[in-house]
PDB file of N, CA and C in Angstrom:
ATOM      1  N   PHE A   1       3.454  -9.262  -2.405  1.00  0.00           N
ATOM      2  CA  PHE A   1       2.317  -9.765  -1.899  1.00  0.00           C
ATOM      3  C   PHE A   1       2.413 -11.290  -2.488  1.00  0.00           C
ATOM      4  N   ARG A   2       1.971 -12.235  -1.711  1.00  0.00           N
ATOM      5  CA  ARG A   2       1.796 -13.504  -2.317  1.00  0.00           C
ATOM      6  C   ARG A   2       0.438 -13.581  -3.103  1.00  0.00           C
ATOM      7  N   THR A   3       0.287 -14.542  -4.094  1.00  0.00           N
ATOM      8  CA  THR A   3      -0.942 -14.647  -4.876  1.00  0.00           C
ATOM      9  C   THR A   3      -2.034 -14.795  -3.937  1.00  0.00           C
ATOM     10  N   GLY A   4      -3.156 -13.958  -4.304  1.00  0.00           N
ATOM     11  CA  GLY A   4      -4.249 -13.947  -3.447  1.00  0.00           C
ATOM     12  C   GLY A   4      -4.302 -13.385  -2.085  1.00  0.00           C
ATOM     13  N   SER A   5      -3.130 -12.751  -1.756  1.00  0.00           N
ATOM     14  CA  SER A   5      -3.028 -12.141  -0.488  1.00  0.00           C
ATOM     15  C   SER A   5      -2.882 -10.742  -0.540  1.00  0.00           C
ATOM     16  N   ALA A   6      -3.435 -10.015   0.802  1.00  0.00           N
ATOM     17  CA  ALA A   6      -3.297  -8.612   0.897  1.00  0.00           C
ATOM     18  C   ALA A   6      -2.108  -8.414   1.964  1.00  0.00           C
ATOM     19  N   GLU A   7      -1.574  -9.449   2.408  1.00  0.00           N
ATOM     20  CA  GLU A   7      -0.724  -9.271   3.658  1.00  0.00           C
ATOM     21  C   GLU A   7       0.644  -8.998   3.209  1.00  0.00           C
ATOM     22  N   LEU A   8       1.206  -7.911   3.595  1.00  0.00           N
ATOM     23  CA  LEU A   8       2.566  -7.455   3.281  1.00  0.00           C
ATOM     24  C   LEU A   8       3.540  -8.493   3.740  1.00  0.00           C
ATOM     25  N   GLU A   9       4.605  -8.600   2.835  1.00  0.00           N
ATOM     26  CA  GLU A   9       5.654  -9.617   3.200  1.00  0.00           C
ATOM     27  C   GLU A   9       6.772  -8.759   3.814  1.00  0.00           C
ATOM     28  N   ILE A  10       7.662  -9.410   4.565  1.00  0.00           N
ATOM     29  CA  ILE A  10       8.691  -8.767   5.335  1.00  0.00           C
ATOM     30  C   ILE A  10       9.658  -8.168   4.203  1.00  0.00           C
ATOM     31  N   ALA A  11       9.852  -8.855   3.045  1.00  0.00           N
ATOM     32  CA  ALA A  11      10.606  -8.302   2.061  1.00  0.00           C
ATOM     33  C   ALA A  11      10.299  -6.817   1.555  1.00  0.00           C
ATOM     34  N   ALA A  12       9.212  -6.438   1.830  1.00  0.00           N
ATOM     35  CA  ALA A  12       8.636  -4.924   1.466  1.00  0.00           C
ATOM     36  C   ALA A  12       9.180  -4.085   2.352  1.00  0.00           C
ATOM     37  N   ALA A  13       9.533  -4.378   3.710  1.00  0.00           N
ATOM     38  CA  ALA A  13       9.957  -3.404   4.592  1.00  0.00           C
ATOM     39  C   ALA A  13      10.909  -2.379   4.343  1.00  0.00           C
ATOM     40  N   PRO A  14      11.997  -2.803   3.512  1.00  0.00           N
ATOM     41  CA  PRO A  14      12.996  -1.642   3.177  1.00  0.00           C
ATOM     42  C   PRO A  14      12.408  -0.530   2.192  1.00  0.00           C
ATOM     43  N   VAL A  15      11.625  -1.040   1.250  1.00  0.00           N
ATOM     44  CA  VAL A  15      10.978  -0.043   0.331  1.00  0.00           C
ATOM     45  C   VAL A  15       9.833   0.861   1.284  1.00  0.00           C
ATOM     46  N   LEU A  16       9.035   0.266   2.012  1.00  0.00           N
ATOM     47  CA  LEU A  16       8.132   0.933   2.787  1.00  0.00           C
ATOM     48  C   LEU A  16       8.729   1.953   3.848  1.00  0.00           C
ATOM     49  N   MET A  17      10.007   1.466   4.222  1.00  0.00           N
ATOM     50  CA  MET A  17      10.665   2.467   5.220  1.00  0.00           C
ATOM     51  C   MET A  17      11.136   3.723   4.308  1.00  0.00           C
ATOM     52  N   GLN A  18      11.643   3.378   3.084  1.00  0.00           N
ATOM     53  CA  GLN A  18      12.000   4.491   2.318  1.00  0.00           C
ATOM     54  C   GLN A  18      10.755   5.445   2.036  1.00  0.00           C
ATOM     55  N   VAL A  19       9.672   5.075   1.755  1.00  0.00           N
ATOM     56  CA  VAL A  19       8.478   5.780   1.488  1.00  0.00           C
ATOM     57  C   VAL A  19       8.244   6.650   2.613  1.00  0.00           C
ATOM     58  N   ARG A  20       8.180   5.799   3.900  1.00  0.00           N
ATOM     59  CA  ARG A  20       7.797   6.523   4.984  1.00  0.00           C
ATOM     60  C   ARG A  20       8.766   7.773   5.402  1.00  0.00           C
ATOM     61  N   ASP A  21       9.989   7.563   5.292  1.00  0.00           N
ATOM     62  CA  ASP A  21      11.140   8.428   5.461  1.00  0.00           C
ATOM     63  C   ASP A  21      10.808   9.653   4.492  1.00  0.00           C
ATOM     64  N   ALA A  22      10.692   9.433   3.420  1.00  0.00           N
ATOM     65  CA  ALA A  22      10.264  10.428   2.303  1.00  0.00           C
ATOM     66  C   ALA A  22       9.152  11.242   2.607  1.00  0.00           C
ATOM     67  N   MET A  23       7.991  10.672   3.165  1.00  0.00           N
ATOM     68  CA  MET A  23       6.894  11.212   3.704  1.00  0.00           C
ATOM     69  C   MET A  23       7.103  12.154   4.758  1.00  0.00           C
ATOM     70  N   LEU A  24       7.933  11.592   5.784  1.00  0.00           N
ATOM     71  CA  LEU A  24       8.180  12.420   7.003  1.00  0.00           C
ATOM     72  C   LEU A  24       9.094  13.420   6.734  1.00  0.00           C
ATOM     73  N   ALA A  25      10.007  13.367   5.652  1.00  0.00           N
ATOM     74  CA  ALA A  25      10.974  14.549   5.377  1.00  0.00           C
ATOM     75  C   ALA A  25      10.147  15.653   4.539  1.00  0.00           C
ATOM     76  N   ASP A  26       9.118  15.371   4.070  1.00  0.00           N
ATOM     77  CA  ASP A  26       8.535  16.365   3.260  1.00  0.00           C
ATOM     78  C   ASP A  26       6.953  16.476   3.490  1.00  0.00           C
ATOM     79  N   PRO A  27       6.687  17.312   4.595  1.00  0.00           N
ATOM     80  CA  PRO A  27       5.317  17.363   4.967  1.00  0.00           C
ATOM     81  C   PRO A  27       4.130  17.674   3.751  1.00  0.00           C
ATOM     82  N   GLY A  28       4.717  18.262   2.726  1.00  0.00           N
ATOM     83  CA  GLY A  28       3.736  18.518   1.733  1.00  0.00           C
ATOM     84  C   GLY A  28       3.481  17.507   0.792  1.00  0.00           C
ATOM     85  N   LEU A  29       4.166  16.172   0.840  1.00  0.00           N
ATOM     86  CA  LEU A  29       3.975  15.247  -0.030  1.00  0.00           C
ATOM     87  C   LEU A  29       2.723  14.415   0.263  1.00  0.00           C
ATOM     88  N   ARG A  30       2.055  14.245  -0.778  1.00  0.00           N
ATOM     89  CA  ARG A  30       0.836  13.265  -0.649  1.00  0.00           C
ATOM     90  C   ARG A  30       0.978  12.216  -1.681  1.00  0.00           C
ATOM     91  N   LEU A  31       0.413  10.891  -1.244  1.00  0.00           N
ATOM     92  CA  LEU A  31       0.748   9.946  -2.309  1.00  0.00           C
ATOM     93  C   LEU A  31      -0.776   9.216  -2.542  1.00  0.00           C
ATOM     94  N   ARG A  32      -0.795   8.660  -3.687  1.00  0.00           N
ATOM     95  CA  ARG A  32      -2.077   7.708  -4.166  1.00  0.00           C
ATOM     96  C   ARG A  32      -1.289   6.371  -4.111  1.00  0.00           C
ATOM     97  N   LEU A  33      -1.647   5.534  -3.420  1.00  0.00           N
ATOM     98  CA  LEU A  33      -1.227   4.243  -3.581  1.00  0.00           C
ATOM     99  C   LEU A  33      -2.238   3.305  -4.287  1.00  0.00           C
ATOM    100  N   VAL A  34      -1.728   2.665  -5.371  1.00  0.00           N
ATOM    101  CA  VAL A  34      -2.535   2.041  -6.290  1.00  0.00           C
ATOM    102  C   VAL A  34      -2.176   0.492  -6.132  1.00  0.00           C
ATOM    103  N   GLY A  35      -3.037  -0.424  -5.679  1.00  0.00           N
ATOM    104  CA  GLY A  35      -2.869  -1.902  -5.738  1.00  0.00           C
ATOM    105  C   GLY A  35      -2.892  -2.370  -6.971  1.00  0.00           C
ATOM    106  N   HIS A  36      -2.306  -3.559  -7.265  1.00  0.00           N
ATOM    107  CA  HIS A  36      -2.270  -4.339  -8.324  1.00  0.00           C
ATOM    108  C   HIS A  36      -2.289  -5.855  -7.963  1.00  0.00           C
ATOM    109  N   THR A  37      -2.729  -6.565  -9.021  1.00  0.00           N
ATOM    110  CA  THR A  37      -2.688  -8.111  -8.736  1.00  0.00           C
ATOM    111  C   THR A  37      -1.955  -8.852  -9.861  1.00  0.00           C
ATOM    112  N   ASP A  38      -1.839 -10.150  -9.763  1.00  0.00           N
ATOM    113  CA  ASP A  38      -1.403 -10.882 -10.978  1.00  0.00           C
ATOM    114  C   ASP A  38      -2.577 -11.176 -11.867  1.00  0.00           C
ATOM    115  N   SER A  39      -2.214 -11.942 -13.000  1.00  0.00           N
ATOM    116  CA  SER A  39      -3.271 -12.240 -13.841  1.00  0.00           C
ATOM    117  C   SER A  39      -4.248 -13.636 -13.318  1.00  0.00           C
ATOM    118  N   GLN A  40      -4.153 -14.047 -12.147  1.00  0.00           N
ATOM    119  CA  GLN A  40      -4.671 -15.344 -11.792  1.00  0.00           C
ATOM    120  C   GLN A  40      -5.881 -14.720 -11.123  1.00  0.00           C
ATOM    121  N   GLY A  41      -7.080 -15.426 -11.366  1.00  0.00           N
ATOM    122  CA  GLY A  41      -8.217 -15.163 -10.781  1.00  0.00           C
ATOM    123  C   GLY A  41      -9.127 -14.272 -11.651  1.00  0.00           C
ATOM    124  N   THR A  42     -10.381 -14.090 -11.085  1.00  0.00           N
ATOM    125  CA  THR A  42     -11.279 -13.223 -11.968  1.00  0.00           C
ATOM    126  C   THR A  42     -11.271 -11.737 -11.508  1.00  0.00           C
ATOM    127  N   ALA A  43     -11.980 -10.948 -12.306  1.00  0.00           N
ATOM    128  CA  ALA A  43     -11.814  -9.646 -11.715  1.00  0.00           C
ATOM    129  C   ALA A  43     -12.625  -9.334 -10.535  1.00  0.00           C
ATOM    130  N   ALA A  44     -13.775 -10.145 -10.324  1.00  0.00           N
ATOM    131  CA  ALA A  44     -14.524 -10.265  -9.167  1.00  0.00           C
ATOM    132  C   ALA A  44     -13.726 -10.423  -7.898  1.00  0.00           C
ATOM    133  N   VAL A  45     -12.593 -11.099  -8.003  1.00  0.00           N
ATOM    134  CA  VAL A  45     -11.688 -11.491  -6.945  1.00  0.00           C
ATOM    135  C   VAL A  45     -10.575 -10.345  -6.939  1.00  0.00           C
ATOM    136  N   ASN A  46      -9.974 -10.051  -7.988  1.00  0.00           N
ATOM    137  CA  ASN A  46      -8.869  -9.251  -8.077  1.00  0.00           C
ATOM    138  C   ASN A  46      -8.998  -7.783  -7.857  1.00  0.00           C
ATOM    139  N   VAL A  47     -10.310  -7.212  -8.179  1.00  0.00           N
ATOM    140  CA  VAL A  47     -10.343  -5.837  -7.937  1.00  0.00           C
ATOM    141  C   VAL A  47     -10.525  -5.532  -6.438  1.00  0.00           C
ATOM    142  N   PRO A  48     -11.158  -6.308  -5.738  1.00  0.00           N
ATOM    143  CA  PRO A  48     -11.203  -6.072  -4.328  1.00  0.00           C
ATOM    144  C   PRO A  48      -9.693  -6.279  -3.752  1.00  0.00           C
ATOM    145  N   LEU A  49      -9.062  -7.424  -4.160  1.00  0.00           N
ATOM    146  CA  LEU A  49      -7.880  -7.698  -3.773  1.00  0.00           C
ATOM    147  C   LEU A  49      -6.867  -6.573  -3.879  1.00  0.00           C
ATOM    148  N   SER A  50      -6.957  -5.819  -5.177  1.00  0.00           N
ATOM    149  CA  SER A  50      -5.926  -4.703  -5.351  1.00  0.00           C
ATOM    150  C   SER A  50      -6.394  -3.640  -4.272  1.00  0.00           C
ATOM    151  N   GLN A  51      -7.466  -3.464  -3.961  1.00  0.00           N
ATOM    152  CA  GLN A  51      -7.883  -2.364  -3.103  1.00  0.00           C
ATOM    153  C   GLN A  51      -7.315  -2.665  -1.668  1.00  0.00           C
ATOM    154  N   ARG A  52      -7.414  -3.897  -1.316  1.00  0.00           N
ATOM    155  CA  ARG A  52      -6.989  -4.312  -0.012  1.00  0.00           C
ATOM    156  C   ARG A  52      -5.395  -4.268  -0.127  1.00  0.00           C
ATOM    157  N   ARG A  53      -4.885  -4.514  -1.050  1.00  0.00           N
ATOM    158  CA  ARG A  53      -3.313  -4.341  -0.968  1.00  0.00           C
ATOM    159  C   ARG A  53      -2.848  -3.000  -0.803  1.00  0.00           C
ATOM    160  N   ALA A  54      -3.518  -2.055  -1.585  1.00  0.00           N
ATOM    161  CA  ALA A  54      -3.317  -0.681  -1.451  1.00  0.00           C
ATOM    162  C   ALA A  54      -3.472  -0.200   0.084  1.00  0.00           C
ATOM    163  N   GLN A  55      -4.744  -0.579   0.582  1.00  0.00           N
ATOM    164  CA  GLN A  55      -5.008  -0.266   1.944  1.00  0.00           C
ATOM    165  C   GLN A  55      -3.873  -0.924   2.955  1.00  0.00           C
ATOM    166  N   SER A  56      -3.388  -2.008   2.691  1.00  0.00           N
ATOM    167  CA  SER A  56      -2.274  -2.664   3.489  1.00  0.00           C
ATOM    168  C   SER A  56      -0.990  -1.579   3.683  1.00  0.00           C
ATOM    169  N   VAL A  57      -0.807  -1.263   2.459  1.00  0.00           N
ATOM    170  CA  VAL A  57       0.421  -0.107   2.508  1.00  0.00           C
ATOM    171  C   VAL A  57      -0.071   1.077   3.305  1.00  0.00           C
ATOM    172  N   GLN A  58      -1.200   1.613   2.917  1.00  0.00           N
ATOM    173  CA  GLN A  58      -1.616   2.745   3.660  1.00  0.00           C
ATOM    174  C   GLN A  58      -1.705   2.618   5.154  1.00  0.00           C
ATOM    175  N   ALA A  59      -2.182   1.269   5.744  1.00  0.00           N
ATOM    176  CA  ALA A  59      -2.189   1.042   7.077  1.00  0.00           C
ATOM    177  C   ALA A  59      -0.736   1.038   7.582  1.00  0.00           C
ATOM    178  N   TRP A  60       0.187   0.332   6.982  1.00  0.00           N
ATOM    179  CA  TRP A  60       1.506   0.320   7.291  1.00  0.00           C
ATOM    180  C   TRP A  60       2.214   1.855   7.533  1.00  0.00           C
ATOM    181  N   LEU A  61       1.915   2.625   6.671  1.00  0.00           N
ATOM    182  CA  LEU A  61       2.522   3.783   6.572  1.00  0.00           C
ATOM    183  C   LEU A  61       1.920   4.674   7.751  1.00  0.00           C
ATOM    184  N   THR A  62       0.628   4.675   7.889  1.00  0.00           N
ATOM    185  CA  THR A  62      -0.096   5.384   8.992  1.00  0.00           C
ATOM    186  C   THR A  62       0.397   4.856  10.440  1.00  0.00           C
ATOM    187  N   GLN A  63       0.617   3.405  10.603  1.00  0.00           N
ATOM    188  CA  GLN A  63       1.040   2.914  11.881  1.00  0.00           C
ATOM    189  C   GLN A  63       2.494   3.476  12.046  1.00  0.00           C
ATOM    190  N   ASN A  64       3.104   3.818  11.114  1.00  0.00           N
ATOM    191  CA  ASN A  64       4.472   4.024  11.067  1.00  0.00           C
ATOM    192  C   ASN A  64       4.882   5.554  10.934  1.00  0.00           C
ATOM    193  N   GLY A  65       3.801   6.549  11.392  1.00  0.00           N
ATOM    194  CA  GLY A  65       4.044   7.885  11.589  1.00  0.00           C
ATOM    195  C   GLY A  65       3.587   8.824  10.398  1.00  0.00           C
ATOM    196  N   VAL A  66       3.101   8.269   9.246  1.00  0.00           N
ATOM    197  CA  VAL A  66       2.644   9.248   8.366  1.00  0.00           C
ATOM    198  C   VAL A  66       1.203   9.367   8.423  1.00  0.00           C
ATOM    199  N   ASP A  67       0.873  10.636   8.270  1.00  0.00           N
ATOM    200  CA  ASP A  67      -0.611  11.274   8.506  1.00  0.00           C
ATOM    201  C   ASP A  67      -1.525  10.571   7.371  1.00  0.00           C
ATOM    202  N   GLY A  68      -2.603   9.790   7.720  1.00  0.00           N
ATOM    203  CA  GLY A  68      -3.359   9.013   6.886  1.00  0.00           C
ATOM    204  C   GLY A  68      -4.114   9.987   5.773  1.00  0.00           C
ATOM    205  N   GLY A  69      -4.089  11.121   6.349  1.00  0.00           N
ATOM    206  CA  GLY A  69      -4.911  12.158   5.323  1.00  0.00           C
ATOM    207  C   GLY A  69      -3.958  12.650   4.029  1.00  0.00           C
ATOM    208  N   ARG A  70      -2.732  12.235   4.295  1.00  0.00           N
ATOM    209  CA  ARG A  70      -1.853  12.434   3.071  1.00  0.00           C
ATOM    210  C   ARG A  70      -1.718  11.261   2.075  1.00  0.00           C
ATOM    211  N   LEU A  71      -2.587  10.239   2.491  1.00  0.00           N
ATOM    212  CA  LEU A  71      -2.723   9.050   1.506  1.00  0.00           C
ATOM    213  C   LEU A  71      -3.960   8.700   1.041  1.00  0.00           C
ATOM    214  N   MET A  72      -3.926   8.344  -0.397  1.00  0.00           N
ATOM    215  CA  MET A  72      -5.314   7.738  -0.744  1.00  0.00           C
ATOM    216  C   MET A  72      -4.970   6.235  -1.379  1.00  0.00           C
ATOM    217  N   ALA A  73      -5.732   5.485  -1.068  1.00  0.00           N
ATOM    218  CA  ALA A  73      -5.600   4.066  -1.554  1.00  0.00           C
ATOM    219  C   ALA A  73      -6.748   3.730  -2.512  1.00  0.00           C
ATOM    220  N   GLU A  74      -6.206   3.137  -3.500  1.00  0.00           N
ATOM    221  CA  GLU A  74      -7.202   2.650  -4.503  1.00  0.00           C
ATOM    222  C   GLU A  74      -6.678   1.362  -5.264  1.00  0.00           C
ATOM    223  N   GLY A  75      -7.635   0.490  -5.686  1.00  0.00           N
ATOM    224  CA  GLY A  75      -7.264  -0.710  -6.492  1.00  0.00           C
ATOM    225  C   GLY A  75      -7.327  -0.504  -7.991  1.00  0.00           C
TER     226      GLY A  75
END
């Protein structure tokens, strides 16, 4: 992610595809996706940003075949 952004970068695609493939290969697998930020900005900005980042990954995975019920996103 770029600083201040929750938009996935194209460079994340290979890792996201590996996670998706692992999830599809093991129907019992569940993941908690935890978003993080850098140290720039205040907690008032970074806490919601970390949540949006985790949700971006969750959305990508669900749009690419993973059952959203197997994923939990938190910042």
